[in-house]
């Protein structure tokens, strides 16, 4: 399980770094700061979860083979 925690740590850094380049404020209406922050938070959590589990599943299947 320590491999998965390590993956979560690395993927979190990469996802936050990559989402930092997107200007999501242009998508939202003016003065909707909290909605943009909540969207950004859930988008980051979703991407972190999906990418980590994808990499971990590939890792697990490589060990079995």
PDB file of N, CA and C in Angstrom:
ATOM      1  N   UNK A   1       0.814  -1.201   0.000  1.00  0.00           N
ATOM      2  CA  UNK A   1       0.000   0.000   0.000  1.00  0.00           C
ATOM      3  C   UNK A   1       0.855   1.262   0.000  1.00  0.00           C
ATOM      4  N   UNK A   2       2.105   1.157   0.374  1.00  0.00           N
ATOM      5  CA  UNK A   2       2.960   2.340   0.395  1.00  0.00           C
ATOM      6  C   UNK A   2       3.215   2.872  -1.011  1.00  0.00           C
ATOM      7  N   UNK A   3       3.156   1.993  -2.014  1.00  0.00           N
ATOM      8  CA  UNK A   3       3.331   2.441  -3.399  1.00  0.00           C
ATOM      9  C   UNK A   3       2.185   3.371  -3.787  1.00  0.00           C
ATOM     10  N   UNK A   4       0.990   3.046  -3.359  1.00  0.00           N
ATOM     11  CA  UNK A   4      -0.166   3.869  -3.705  1.00  0.00           C
ATOM     12  C   UNK A   4      -0.086   5.241  -3.028  1.00  0.00           C
ATOM     13  N   UNK A   5       0.363   5.287  -1.786  1.00  0.00           N
ATOM     14  CA  UNK A   5       0.526   6.577  -1.107  1.00  0.00           C
ATOM     15  C   UNK A   5       1.580   7.428  -1.801  1.00  0.00           C
ATOM     16  N   UNK A   6       2.655   6.797  -2.222  1.00  0.00           N
ATOM     17  CA  UNK A   6       3.699   7.509  -2.958  1.00  0.00           C
ATOM     18  C   UNK A   6       3.144   8.050  -4.273  1.00  0.00           C
ATOM     19  N   UNK A   7       2.347   7.238  -4.967  1.00  0.00           N
ATOM     20  CA  UNK A   7       1.721   7.686  -6.213  1.00  0.00           C
ATOM     21  C   UNK A   7       0.776   8.861  -5.979  1.00  0.00           C
ATOM     22  N   UNK A   8      -0.021   8.794  -4.904  1.00  0.00           N
ATOM     23  CA  UNK A   8      -0.911   9.908  -4.587  1.00  0.00           C
ATOM     24  C   UNK A   8      -0.116  11.196  -4.388  1.00  0.00           C
ATOM     25  N   UNK A   9       0.995  11.101  -3.693  1.00  0.00           N
ATOM     26  CA  UNK A   9       1.824  12.279  -3.438  1.00  0.00           C
ATOM     27  C   UNK A   9       2.369  12.862  -4.736  1.00  0.00           C
ATOM     28  N   UNK A  10       2.939  12.010  -5.575  1.00  0.00           N
ATOM     29  CA  UNK A  10       3.533  12.471  -6.834  1.00  0.00           C
ATOM     30  C   UNK A  10       2.461  13.013  -7.782  1.00  0.00           C
ATOM     31  N   UNK A  11       1.361  12.289  -7.911  1.00  0.00           N
ATOM     32  CA  UNK A  11       0.294  12.703  -8.829  1.00  0.00           C
ATOM     33  C   UNK A  11      -0.362  14.001  -8.348  1.00  0.00           C
ATOM     34  N   UNK A  12      -0.491  14.183  -7.045  1.00  0.00           N
ATOM     35  CA  UNK A  12      -1.046  15.427  -6.513  1.00  0.00           C
ATOM     36  C   UNK A  12      -0.212  16.621  -6.939  1.00  0.00           C
ATOM     37  N   UNK A  13       1.091  16.496  -6.819  1.00  0.00           N
ATOM     38  CA  UNK A  13       1.980  17.585  -7.229  1.00  0.00           C
ATOM     39  C   UNK A  13       1.836  17.864  -8.723  1.00  0.00           C
ATOM     40  N   UNK A  14       1.809  16.819  -9.525  1.00  0.00           N
ATOM     41  CA  UNK A  14       1.722  16.994 -10.981  1.00  0.00           C
ATOM     42  C   UNK A  14       0.375  17.590 -11.394  1.00  0.00           C
ATOM     43  N   UNK A  15      -0.714  17.125 -10.789  1.00  0.00           N
ATOM     44  CA  UNK A  15      -2.044  17.627 -11.155  1.00  0.00           C
ATOM     45  C   UNK A  15      -2.202  19.095 -10.753  1.00  0.00           C
ATOM     46  N   UNK A  16      -1.772  19.451  -9.547  1.00  0.00           N
ATOM     47  CA  UNK A  16      -1.874  20.845  -9.117  1.00  0.00           C
ATOM     48  C   UNK A  16      -1.014  21.732 -10.000  1.00  0.00           C
ATOM     49  N   UNK A  17       0.166  21.262 -10.347  1.00  0.00           N
ATOM     50  CA  UNK A  17       1.059  22.025 -11.228  1.00  0.00           C
ATOM     51  C   UNK A  17       0.431  22.216 -12.608  1.00  0.00           C
ATOM     52  N   UNK A  18      -0.188  21.160 -13.129  1.00  0.00           N
ATOM     53  CA  UNK A  18      -0.777  21.267 -14.466  1.00  0.00           C
ATOM     54  C   UNK A  18      -2.061  22.095 -14.466  1.00  0.00           C
ATOM     55  N   UNK A  19      -2.867  22.002 -13.406  1.00  0.00           N
ATOM     56  CA  UNK A  19      -4.087  22.801 -13.344  1.00  0.00           C
ATOM     57  C   UNK A  19      -3.788  24.278 -13.121  1.00  0.00           C
ATOM     58  N   UNK A  20      -2.615  24.570 -12.609  1.00  0.00           N
ATOM     59  CA  UNK A  20      -2.232  25.959 -12.379  1.00  0.00           C
ATOM     60  C   UNK A  20      -2.109  26.730 -13.688  1.00  0.00           C
ATOM     61  N   UNK A  21      -1.888  26.031 -14.780  1.00  0.00           N
ATOM     62  CA  UNK A  21      -1.722  26.699 -16.075  1.00  0.00           C
ATOM     63  C   UNK A  21      -3.050  27.036 -16.743  1.00  0.00           C
ATOM     64  N   UNK A  22      -4.151  26.527 -16.206  1.00  0.00           N
ATOM     65  CA  UNK A  22      -5.465  26.761 -16.809  1.00  0.00           C
ATOM     66  C   UNK A  22      -6.122  27.969 -16.145  1.00  0.00           C
ATOM     67  N   UNK A  23      -6.618  28.877 -16.949  1.00  0.00           N
ATOM     68  CA  UNK A  23      -7.345  30.036 -16.434  1.00  0.00           C
ATOM     69  C   UNK A  23      -8.832  29.690 -16.382  1.00  0.00           C
ATOM     70  N   UNK A  24      -9.253  29.083 -15.270  1.00  0.00           N
ATOM     71  CA  UNK A  24     -10.654  28.680 -15.169  1.00  0.00           C
ATOM     72  C   UNK A  24     -11.558  29.846 -14.817  1.00  0.00           C
ATOM     73  N   UNK A  25     -10.988  30.979 -14.414  1.00  0.00           N
ATOM     74  CA  UNK A  25     -11.826  32.143 -14.115  1.00  0.00           C
ATOM     75  C   UNK A  25     -12.506  32.678 -15.368  1.00  0.00           C
ATOM     76  N   UNK A  26     -11.927  32.433 -16.524  1.00  0.00           N
ATOM     77  CA  UNK A  26     -12.542  32.884 -17.774  1.00  0.00           C
ATOM     78  C   UNK A  26     -13.807  32.089 -18.090  1.00  0.00           C
ATOM     79  N   UNK A  27     -13.931  30.905 -17.529  1.00  0.00           N
ATOM     80  CA  UNK A  27     -15.100  30.056 -17.775  1.00  0.00           C
ATOM     81  C   UNK A  27     -16.310  30.540 -16.970  1.00  0.00           C
ATOM     82  N   UNK A  28     -16.059  31.071 -15.771  1.00  0.00           N
ATOM     83  CA  UNK A  28     -17.130  31.435 -14.847  1.00  0.00           C
ATOM     84  C   UNK A  28     -17.544  32.893 -15.004  1.00  0.00           C
ATOM     85  N   UNK A  29     -18.707  33.196 -14.492  1.00  0.00           N
ATOM     86  CA  UNK A  29     -19.200  34.569 -14.508  1.00  0.00           C
ATOM     87  C   UNK A  29     -18.375  35.423 -13.548  1.00  0.00           C
ATOM     88  N   UNK A  30     -18.497  36.730 -13.705  1.00  0.00           N
ATOM     89  CA  UNK A  30     -17.785  37.646 -12.813  1.00  0.00           C
ATOM     90  C   UNK A  30     -18.300  37.492 -11.387  1.00  0.00           C
ATOM     91  N   UNK A  31     -17.404  37.653 -10.425  1.00  0.00           N
ATOM     92  CA  UNK A  31     -17.700  37.607  -8.988  1.00  0.00           C
ATOM     93  C   UNK A  31     -18.228  36.247  -8.530  1.00  0.00           C
ATOM     94  N   UNK A  32     -17.897  35.202  -9.230  1.00  0.00           N
ATOM     95  CA  UNK A  32     -18.256  33.832  -8.831  1.00  0.00           C
ATOM     96  C   UNK A  32     -16.985  33.100  -8.402  1.00  0.00           C
ATOM     97  N   UNK A  33     -16.266  33.696  -7.460  1.00  0.00           N
ATOM     98  CA  UNK A  33     -14.963  33.186  -7.041  1.00  0.00           C
ATOM     99  C   UNK A  33     -15.108  31.851  -6.320  1.00  0.00           C
ATOM    100  N   UNK A  34     -16.091  31.753  -5.419  1.00  0.00           N
ATOM    101  CA  UNK A  34     -16.234  30.517  -4.642  1.00  0.00           C
ATOM    102  C   UNK A  34     -16.633  29.337  -5.515  1.00  0.00           C
ATOM    103  N   UNK A  35     -17.483  29.576  -6.482  1.00  0.00           N
ATOM    104  CA  UNK A  35     -17.872  28.501  -7.387  1.00  0.00           C
ATOM    105  C   UNK A  35     -16.673  28.023  -8.198  1.00  0.00           C
ATOM    106  N   UNK A  36     -15.831  28.942  -8.619  1.00  0.00           N
ATOM    107  CA  UNK A  36     -14.625  28.567  -9.366  1.00  0.00           C
ATOM    108  C   UNK A  36     -13.667  27.776  -8.489  1.00  0.00           C
ATOM    109  N   UNK A  37     -13.524  28.169  -7.230  1.00  0.00           N
ATOM    110  CA  UNK A  37     -12.629  27.449  -6.312  1.00  0.00           C
ATOM    111  C   UNK A  37     -13.140  26.045  -6.014  1.00  0.00           C
ATOM    112  N   UNK A  38     -14.450  25.923  -5.816  1.00  0.00           N
ATOM    113  CA  UNK A  38     -15.030  24.600  -5.549  1.00  0.00           C
ATOM    114  C   UNK A  38     -14.874  23.707  -6.768  1.00  0.00           C
ATOM    115  N   UNK A  39     -15.120  24.251  -7.951  1.00  0.00           N
ATOM    116  CA  UNK A  39     -14.934  23.495  -9.188  1.00  0.00           C
ATOM    117  C   UNK A  39     -13.486  23.043  -9.339  1.00  0.00           C
ATOM    118  N   UNK A  40     -12.552  23.940  -9.102  1.00  0.00           N
ATOM    119  CA  UNK A  40     -11.120  23.639  -9.193  1.00  0.00           C
ATOM    120  C   UNK A  40     -10.741  22.539  -8.200  1.00  0.00           C
ATOM    121  N   UNK A  41     -11.276  22.619  -6.976  1.00  0.00           N
ATOM    122  CA  UNK A  41     -10.989  21.621  -5.946  1.00  0.00           C
ATOM    123  C   UNK A  41     -11.487  20.240  -6.366  1.00  0.00           C
ATOM    124  N   UNK A  42     -12.744  20.154  -6.799  1.00  0.00           N
ATOM    125  CA  UNK A  42     -13.297  18.859  -7.186  1.00  0.00           C
ATOM    126  C   UNK A  42     -12.656  18.313  -8.457  1.00  0.00           C
ATOM    127  N   UNK A  43     -12.299  19.187  -9.362  1.00  0.00           N
ATOM    128  CA  UNK A  43     -11.586  18.759 -10.561  1.00  0.00           C
ATOM    129  C   UNK A  43     -10.223  18.178 -10.195  1.00  0.00           C
ATOM    130  N   UNK A  44      -9.526  18.836  -9.287  1.00  0.00           N
ATOM    131  CA  UNK A  44      -8.216  18.345  -8.857  1.00  0.00           C
ATOM    132  C   UNK A  44      -8.339  17.002  -8.138  1.00  0.00           C
ATOM    133  N   UNK A  45      -9.285  16.884  -7.224  1.00  0.00           N
ATOM    134  CA  UNK A  45      -9.478  15.628  -6.483  1.00  0.00           C
ATOM    135  C   UNK A  45      -9.835  14.495  -7.444  1.00  0.00           C
ATOM    136  N   UNK A  46     -10.701  14.769  -8.404  1.00  0.00           N
ATOM    137  CA  UNK A  46     -11.099  13.743  -9.374  1.00  0.00           C
ATOM    138  C   UNK A  46      -9.925  13.288 -10.227  1.00  0.00           C
ATOM    139  N   UNK A  47      -9.155  14.238 -10.728  1.00  0.00           N
ATOM    140  CA  UNK A  47      -7.998  13.881 -11.551  1.00  0.00           C
ATOM    141  C   UNK A  47      -6.955  13.110 -10.751  1.00  0.00           C
ATOM    142  N   UNK A  48      -6.710  13.531  -9.524  1.00  0.00           N
ATOM    143  CA  UNK A  48      -5.735  12.834  -8.677  1.00  0.00           C
ATOM    144  C   UNK A  48      -6.167  11.390  -8.460  1.00  0.00           C
ATOM    145  N   UNK A  49      -7.432  11.190  -8.134  1.00  0.00           N
ATOM    146  CA  UNK A  49      -7.948   9.844  -7.889  1.00  0.00           C
ATOM    147  C   UNK A  49      -7.858   8.970  -9.144  1.00  0.00           C
ATOM    148  N   UNK A  50      -8.317   9.498 -10.270  1.00  0.00           N
ATOM    149  CA  UNK A  50      -8.348   8.708 -11.503  1.00  0.00           C
ATOM    150  C   UNK A  50      -6.951   8.366 -12.010  1.00  0.00           C
ATOM    151  N   UNK A  51      -6.057   9.328 -12.017  1.00  0.00           N
ATOM    152  CA  UNK A  51      -4.704   9.082 -12.520  1.00  0.00           C
ATOM    153  C   UNK A  51      -3.955   8.122 -11.603  1.00  0.00           C
ATOM    154  N   UNK A  52      -4.081   8.305 -10.295  1.00  0.00           N
ATOM    155  CA  UNK A  52      -3.396   7.416  -9.354  1.00  0.00           C
ATOM    156  C   UNK A  52      -3.881   5.986  -9.490  1.00  0.00           C
ATOM    157  N   UNK A  53      -5.191   5.795  -9.558  1.00  0.00           N
ATOM    158  CA  UNK A  53      -5.719   4.434  -9.677  1.00  0.00           C
ATOM    159  C   UNK A  53      -5.367   3.799 -11.012  1.00  0.00           C
ATOM    160  N   UNK A  54      -5.327   4.580 -12.068  1.00  0.00           N
ATOM    161  CA  UNK A  54      -4.923   4.051 -13.373  1.00  0.00           C
ATOM    162  C   UNK A  54      -3.474   3.571 -13.330  1.00  0.00           C
ATOM    163  N   UNK A  55      -2.587   4.397 -12.813  1.00  0.00           N
ATOM    164  CA  UNK A  55      -1.168   4.017 -12.731  1.00  0.00           C
ATOM    165  C   UNK A  55      -0.993   2.822 -11.801  1.00  0.00           C
ATOM    166  N   UNK A  56      -1.714   2.811 -10.679  1.00  0.00           N
ATOM    167  CA  UNK A  56      -1.584   1.707  -9.727  1.00  0.00           C
ATOM    168  C   UNK A  56      -2.102   0.397 -10.324  1.00  0.00           C
ATOM    169  N   UNK A  57      -3.201   0.448 -11.057  1.00  0.00           N
ATOM    170  CA  UNK A  57      -3.720  -0.761 -11.712  1.00  0.00           C
ATOM    171  C   UNK A  57      -2.745  -1.290 -12.756  1.00  0.00           C
ATOM    172  N   UNK A  58      -2.127  -0.398 -13.500  1.00  0.00           N
ATOM    173  CA  UNK A  58      -1.101  -0.828 -14.455  1.00  0.00           C
ATOM    174  C   UNK A  58       0.081  -1.468 -13.733  1.00  0.00           C
ATOM    175  N   UNK A  59       0.454  -0.896 -12.612  1.00  0.00           N
ATOM    176  CA  UNK A  59       1.542  -1.437 -11.797  1.00  0.00           C
ATOM    177  C   UNK A  59       1.184  -2.831 -11.275  1.00  0.00           C
ATOM    178  N   UNK A  60      -0.036  -2.979 -10.777  1.00  0.00           N
ATOM    179  CA  UNK A  60      -0.492  -4.272 -10.260  1.00  0.00           C
ATOM    180  C   UNK A  60      -0.550  -5.327 -11.361  1.00  0.00           C
ATOM    181  N   UNK A  61      -1.025  -4.967 -12.523  1.00  0.00           N
ATOM    182  CA  UNK A  61      -1.107  -5.941 -13.608  1.00  0.00           C
ATOM    183  C   UNK A  61       0.279  -6.316 -14.123  1.00  0.00           C
ATOM    184  N   UNK A  62       1.230  -5.422 -14.037  1.00  0.00           N
ATOM    185  CA  UNK A  62       2.598  -5.734 -14.455  1.00  0.00           C
ATOM    186  C   UNK A  62       3.251  -6.709 -13.484  1.00  0.00           C
ATOM    187  N   UNK A  63       2.901  -6.622 -12.215  1.00  0.00           N
ATOM    188  CA  UNK A  63       3.457  -7.548 -11.220  1.00  0.00           C
ATOM    189  C   UNK A  63       2.894  -8.947 -11.429  1.00  0.00           C
ATOM    190  N   UNK A  64       1.619  -9.062 -11.761  1.00  0.00           N
ATOM    191  CA  UNK A  64       0.974 -10.362 -11.948  1.00  0.00           C
ATOM    192  C   UNK A  64       1.574 -11.087 -13.145  1.00  0.00           C
ATOM    193  N   UNK A  65       1.836 -10.364 -14.201  1.00  0.00           N
ATOM    194  CA  UNK A  65       2.374 -10.963 -15.422  1.00  0.00           C
ATOM    195  C   UNK A  65       3.797 -11.295 -15.157  1.00  0.00           C
TER     196      UNK A  65
END
